[in-house]
N, C-alpha and C. Protein backbone atom coordinates (compact mmCIF):
# COMPACT_ATOMS: atom_id res chain seq x y z
N MET A 1 -73.77 107.80 -121.81
CA MET A 1 -75.16 108.16 -121.34
C MET A 1 -75.31 108.60 -119.78
N LEU A 2 -75.39 109.66 -119.22
CA LEU A 2 -75.35 109.95 -117.76
C LEU A 2 -76.71 109.44 -117.05
N GLY A 3 -77.64 109.27 -117.91
CA GLY A 3 -78.96 108.80 -116.88
C GLY A 3 -79.04 107.45 -116.58
N ARG A 4 -78.36 106.54 -117.50
CA ARG A 4 -78.05 104.85 -117.29
C ARG A 4 -77.25 105.09 -116.30
N LYS A 5 -76.05 105.69 -116.23
CA LYS A 5 -74.99 105.58 -115.00
C LYS A 5 -75.09 106.27 -114.21
N ALA A 6 -76.22 107.30 -113.68
CA ALA A 6 -76.79 107.81 -112.69
C ALA A 6 -77.70 106.99 -111.95
N SER A 7 -78.48 106.14 -112.72
CA SER A 7 -79.56 105.49 -112.25
C SER A 7 -78.94 104.12 -111.73
N GLY A 8 -77.91 103.75 -112.09
CA GLY A 8 -77.21 102.36 -111.69
C GLY A 8 -77.81 101.24 -112.30
N LEU A 9 -78.47 101.53 -113.60
CA LEU A 9 -79.17 100.61 -113.77
C LEU A 9 -78.59 99.83 -114.93
N SER A 10 -78.77 98.74 -115.84
CA SER A 10 -77.98 98.35 -117.19
C SER A 10 -78.83 98.98 -117.80
N ARG A 11 -78.65 99.11 -119.70
CA ARG A 11 -79.30 99.75 -120.18
C ARG A 11 -80.99 98.71 -120.82
N SER A 12 -80.65 97.59 -120.20
CA SER A 12 -81.88 97.05 -120.63
C SER A 12 -82.75 97.33 -119.29
N GLY A 13 -82.51 97.21 -117.90
CA GLY A 13 -82.99 97.89 -116.73
C GLY A 13 -83.67 99.28 -116.69
N LEU A 14 -82.61 99.90 -117.72
CA LEU A 14 -83.73 101.47 -117.89
C LEU A 14 -84.77 101.04 -118.68
N ASN A 15 -84.26 100.85 -119.80
CA ASN A 15 -85.55 100.44 -120.74
C ASN A 15 -86.40 99.88 -120.15
N GLU A 16 -86.44 98.99 -119.22
CA GLU A 16 -87.89 98.24 -118.86
C GLU A 16 -88.27 99.15 -117.92
N ARG A 17 -87.76 99.89 -117.01
CA ARG A 17 -88.14 101.08 -115.64
C ARG A 17 -88.91 101.97 -116.75
N PHE A 18 -88.25 102.68 -117.55
CA PHE A 18 -88.89 103.70 -118.34
C PHE A 18 -90.12 103.28 -118.96
N LYS A 19 -90.10 102.23 -119.86
CA LYS A 19 -91.60 101.56 -120.52
C LYS A 19 -92.30 101.23 -119.41
N GLN A 20 -92.37 100.65 -118.26
CA GLN A 20 -93.19 100.73 -117.24
C GLN A 20 -93.74 101.89 -116.84
N SER A 21 -92.91 103.02 -116.82
CA SER A 21 -93.42 104.11 -116.24
C SER A 21 -94.07 104.82 -117.45
N VAL A 22 -93.68 105.00 -118.35
CA VAL A 22 -94.27 106.00 -119.51
C VAL A 22 -94.95 104.95 -120.58
N GLY A 23 -94.83 104.00 -120.65
CA GLY A 23 -95.71 102.97 -121.59
C GLY A 23 -94.86 102.77 -122.84
N ILE A 24 -93.70 103.39 -123.19
CA ILE A 24 -93.11 102.96 -124.42
C ILE A 24 -91.61 103.07 -123.96
N THR A 25 -90.87 102.41 -125.09
CA THR A 25 -89.02 102.47 -124.88
C THR A 25 -88.50 104.24 -124.86
N PRO A 26 -87.49 104.36 -124.49
CA PRO A 26 -87.16 105.37 -124.67
C PRO A 26 -86.46 105.98 -125.88
N LEU A 27 -86.52 104.75 -126.57
CA LEU A 27 -86.25 105.24 -128.52
C LEU A 27 -87.47 105.52 -129.08
N ALA A 28 -88.47 104.52 -128.78
CA ALA A 28 -89.96 105.49 -129.20
C ALA A 28 -90.20 106.22 -128.73
N TYR A 29 -90.16 106.70 -127.33
CA TYR A 29 -90.13 108.54 -126.86
C TYR A 29 -89.60 109.22 -127.79
N LEU A 30 -88.36 109.13 -127.80
CA LEU A 30 -87.47 110.16 -128.07
C LEU A 30 -87.72 110.42 -130.09
N SER A 31 -88.59 109.56 -130.47
CA SER A 31 -88.76 109.15 -131.83
C SER A 31 -90.04 109.97 -132.07
N HIS A 32 -91.17 109.59 -131.19
CA HIS A 32 -92.70 110.37 -131.11
C HIS A 32 -92.04 111.93 -130.68
N TYR A 33 -91.45 112.24 -129.87
CA TYR A 33 -90.99 113.89 -130.09
C TYR A 33 -90.35 114.60 -130.80
N ARG A 34 -89.45 113.79 -131.52
CA ARG A 34 -88.81 114.18 -132.77
C ARG A 34 -90.10 114.96 -133.68
N LEU A 35 -90.71 113.84 -133.73
CA LEU A 35 -91.76 113.97 -135.43
C LEU A 35 -93.01 114.72 -134.80
N ARG A 36 -93.31 114.81 -133.26
CA ARG A 36 -94.14 115.94 -132.95
C ARG A 36 -93.34 117.12 -133.07
N LEU A 37 -92.26 117.20 -132.74
CA LEU A 37 -91.48 118.89 -133.16
C LEU A 37 -91.57 119.28 -134.51
N ALA A 38 -90.93 118.07 -135.28
CA ALA A 38 -91.28 118.45 -136.75
C ALA A 38 -92.65 118.71 -137.27
N ALA A 39 -93.31 118.03 -136.84
CA ALA A 39 -94.90 118.41 -137.11
C ALA A 39 -95.39 120.38 -137.03
N ARG A 40 -94.71 120.46 -135.52
CA ARG A 40 -95.04 121.37 -135.12
C ARG A 40 -94.33 122.94 -136.29
N PHE A 41 -92.79 122.44 -136.35
CA PHE A 41 -92.26 123.08 -137.21
C PHE A 41 -92.77 123.48 -138.97
N LEU A 42 -93.51 122.17 -139.30
CA LEU A 42 -93.98 122.22 -140.63
C LEU A 42 -95.68 123.04 -140.82
N ARG A 43 -96.32 123.23 -139.54
CA ARG A 43 -97.38 123.79 -139.51
C ARG A 43 -96.94 125.67 -139.40
N GLN A 44 -95.63 125.75 -138.61
CA GLN A 44 -95.50 126.89 -138.58
C GLN A 44 -94.81 127.44 -139.94
N GLU A 45 -94.21 126.79 -140.93
CA GLU A 45 -94.09 127.09 -142.30
C GLU A 45 -92.79 128.12 -142.20
N GLN A 46 -92.06 128.09 -141.27
CA GLN A 46 -90.79 128.85 -141.10
C GLN A 46 -89.44 128.42 -141.94
N TYR A 47 -89.58 126.92 -141.99
CA TYR A 47 -88.16 126.26 -142.43
C TYR A 47 -88.63 125.21 -143.42
N SER A 48 -87.67 125.09 -144.17
CA SER A 48 -87.91 124.14 -145.36
C SER A 48 -87.77 122.69 -144.71
N ILE A 49 -88.55 121.95 -145.59
CA ILE A 49 -88.59 120.31 -144.79
C ILE A 49 -87.63 119.99 -144.82
N SER A 50 -86.22 120.35 -145.43
CA SER A 50 -84.60 119.92 -145.50
C SER A 50 -84.22 120.52 -144.05
N LYS A 51 -84.21 121.47 -143.77
CA LYS A 51 -84.22 122.21 -142.22
C LYS A 51 -84.79 121.26 -140.97
N ILE A 52 -86.14 121.23 -141.46
CA ILE A 52 -86.61 120.70 -140.11
C ILE A 52 -85.99 119.34 -140.22
N SER A 53 -86.03 118.40 -141.13
CA SER A 53 -85.14 116.84 -141.20
C SER A 53 -84.15 117.56 -140.17
N GLU A 54 -83.15 118.33 -140.48
CA GLU A 54 -81.85 118.34 -139.85
C GLU A 54 -82.14 119.06 -138.17
N LEU A 55 -83.06 119.87 -138.04
CA LEU A 55 -83.29 120.50 -136.96
C LEU A 55 -83.48 119.05 -135.63
N VAL A 56 -84.56 118.22 -136.13
CA VAL A 56 -85.04 117.32 -135.38
C VAL A 56 -84.18 115.81 -135.47
N GLY A 57 -82.76 116.11 -136.28
CA GLY A 57 -82.23 115.19 -135.71
C GLY A 57 -81.85 114.16 -136.74
N TYR A 58 -82.47 114.06 -138.00
CA TYR A 58 -82.29 113.16 -139.17
C TYR A 58 -81.40 112.90 -139.43
N ALA A 59 -80.52 112.14 -139.77
CA ALA A 59 -79.16 112.16 -140.87
C ALA A 59 -79.81 112.23 -142.41
N SER A 60 -80.78 112.38 -142.64
CA SER A 60 -81.17 112.56 -144.10
C SER A 60 -82.66 112.86 -144.41
N ASP A 61 -82.80 114.16 -145.44
CA ASP A 61 -84.53 114.07 -145.72
C ASP A 61 -85.33 112.81 -146.09
N HIS A 62 -84.86 111.60 -146.85
CA HIS A 62 -85.16 110.26 -146.81
C HIS A 62 -85.91 109.77 -145.54
N SER A 63 -84.73 109.63 -144.80
CA SER A 63 -85.44 108.97 -143.35
C SER A 63 -86.57 109.49 -142.61
N PHE A 64 -86.13 111.05 -142.62
CA PHE A 64 -87.12 111.97 -142.27
C PHE A 64 -88.73 111.74 -142.58
N SER A 65 -88.87 111.51 -144.04
CA SER A 65 -89.95 111.68 -144.71
C SER A 65 -90.51 110.28 -144.39
N GLY A 66 -89.83 109.43 -144.65
CA GLY A 66 -90.33 107.90 -144.17
C GLY A 66 -91.04 107.82 -142.56
N ALA A 67 -89.98 108.15 -141.97
CA ALA A 67 -90.57 107.96 -140.45
C ALA A 67 -91.95 109.02 -140.17
N PHE A 68 -91.59 110.04 -140.76
CA PHE A 68 -93.01 111.30 -140.61
C PHE A 68 -94.53 110.36 -141.19
N LYS A 69 -94.10 109.95 -142.62
CA LYS A 69 -95.06 109.22 -143.13
C LYS A 69 -95.76 108.20 -142.25
N ARG A 70 -95.07 107.50 -141.62
CA ARG A 70 -95.37 106.11 -140.80
C ARG A 70 -95.88 106.62 -139.83
N ARG A 71 -95.75 107.59 -139.08
CA ARG A 71 -96.22 108.44 -137.91
C ARG A 71 -97.41 109.08 -138.37
N TYR A 72 -97.36 109.84 -139.05
CA TYR A 72 -98.52 110.68 -139.58
C TYR A 72 -99.69 110.17 -140.76
N GLY A 73 -98.94 109.35 -141.41
CA GLY A 73 -99.74 108.46 -142.51
C GLY A 73 -99.71 109.99 -143.99
N GLN A 74 -99.16 110.61 -144.04
CA GLN A 74 -98.63 111.19 -145.19
C GLN A 74 -97.25 111.99 -144.81
N SER A 75 -96.72 112.48 -146.25
CA SER A 75 -95.66 113.09 -146.29
C SER A 75 -95.70 114.36 -145.59
N PRO A 76 -94.14 114.75 -145.17
CA PRO A 76 -94.27 116.27 -144.58
C PRO A 76 -94.32 117.19 -145.57
N SER A 77 -94.51 117.10 -146.68
CA SER A 77 -94.94 118.14 -147.60
C SER A 77 -96.76 118.14 -147.74
N HIS A 78 -97.29 117.17 -147.79
CA HIS A 78 -98.49 117.10 -147.75
C HIS A 78 -99.22 117.32 -146.46
N TYR A 79 -98.58 116.97 -145.32
CA TYR A 79 -98.81 117.62 -143.97
C TYR A 79 -98.79 118.93 -143.89
N ARG A 80 -98.05 119.57 -144.45
CA ARG A 80 -97.80 121.13 -144.38
C ARG A 80 -98.90 121.80 -145.16
N LYS A 81 -98.99 120.98 -146.42
CA LYS A 81 -100.14 121.82 -147.76
C LYS A 81 -101.33 121.48 -146.55
N SER A 82 -101.73 120.49 -145.99
CA SER A 82 -103.23 120.43 -145.15
C SER A 82 -103.12 121.08 -143.80
N HIS A 83 -101.98 121.63 -143.66
CA HIS A 83 -102.33 122.20 -142.11
C HIS A 83 -101.68 124.01 -142.47
N SER A 84 -101.78 124.29 -143.66
CA SER A 84 -101.19 125.77 -143.93
C SER A 84 -102.34 126.64 -143.57
N LYS A 85 -101.51 127.74 -142.94
CA LYS A 85 -102.30 128.78 -142.54
C LYS A 85 -102.90 129.67 -143.83
N LYS A 86 -102.18 129.37 -144.80
CA LYS A 86 -102.43 130.45 -145.84
C LYS A 86 -103.61 129.55 -146.80
N SER A 87 -103.87 128.42 -146.65
CA SER A 87 -105.22 127.43 -147.31
C SER A 87 -106.39 128.14 -146.98
N THR A 88 -107.37 128.19 -148.19
CA THR A 88 -108.33 128.73 -148.22
C THR A 88 -109.67 128.36 -147.23
N PRO A 89 -110.33 129.55 -146.69
CA PRO A 89 -111.03 128.63 -145.69
C PRO A 89 -112.50 127.80 -145.67
């Protein structure tokens, strides 16, 4: 991990500094970022949900779907349908 070595901090020290600066841990930040990116891909309707899962770095569709539902309160497919550009006005 380049950031930790370059900073001269231990993993816990880096986590604490990051949390003080950003408000959440690096892992939580990464998770939120990946899910925001996934939500954008879902709205664009360019890729399948399985491909989006892969693009944002989840090991399985199941783990992606569970994380997405915890964050957004709905499954990726429901989110896509509710944000579809093709839906009626």
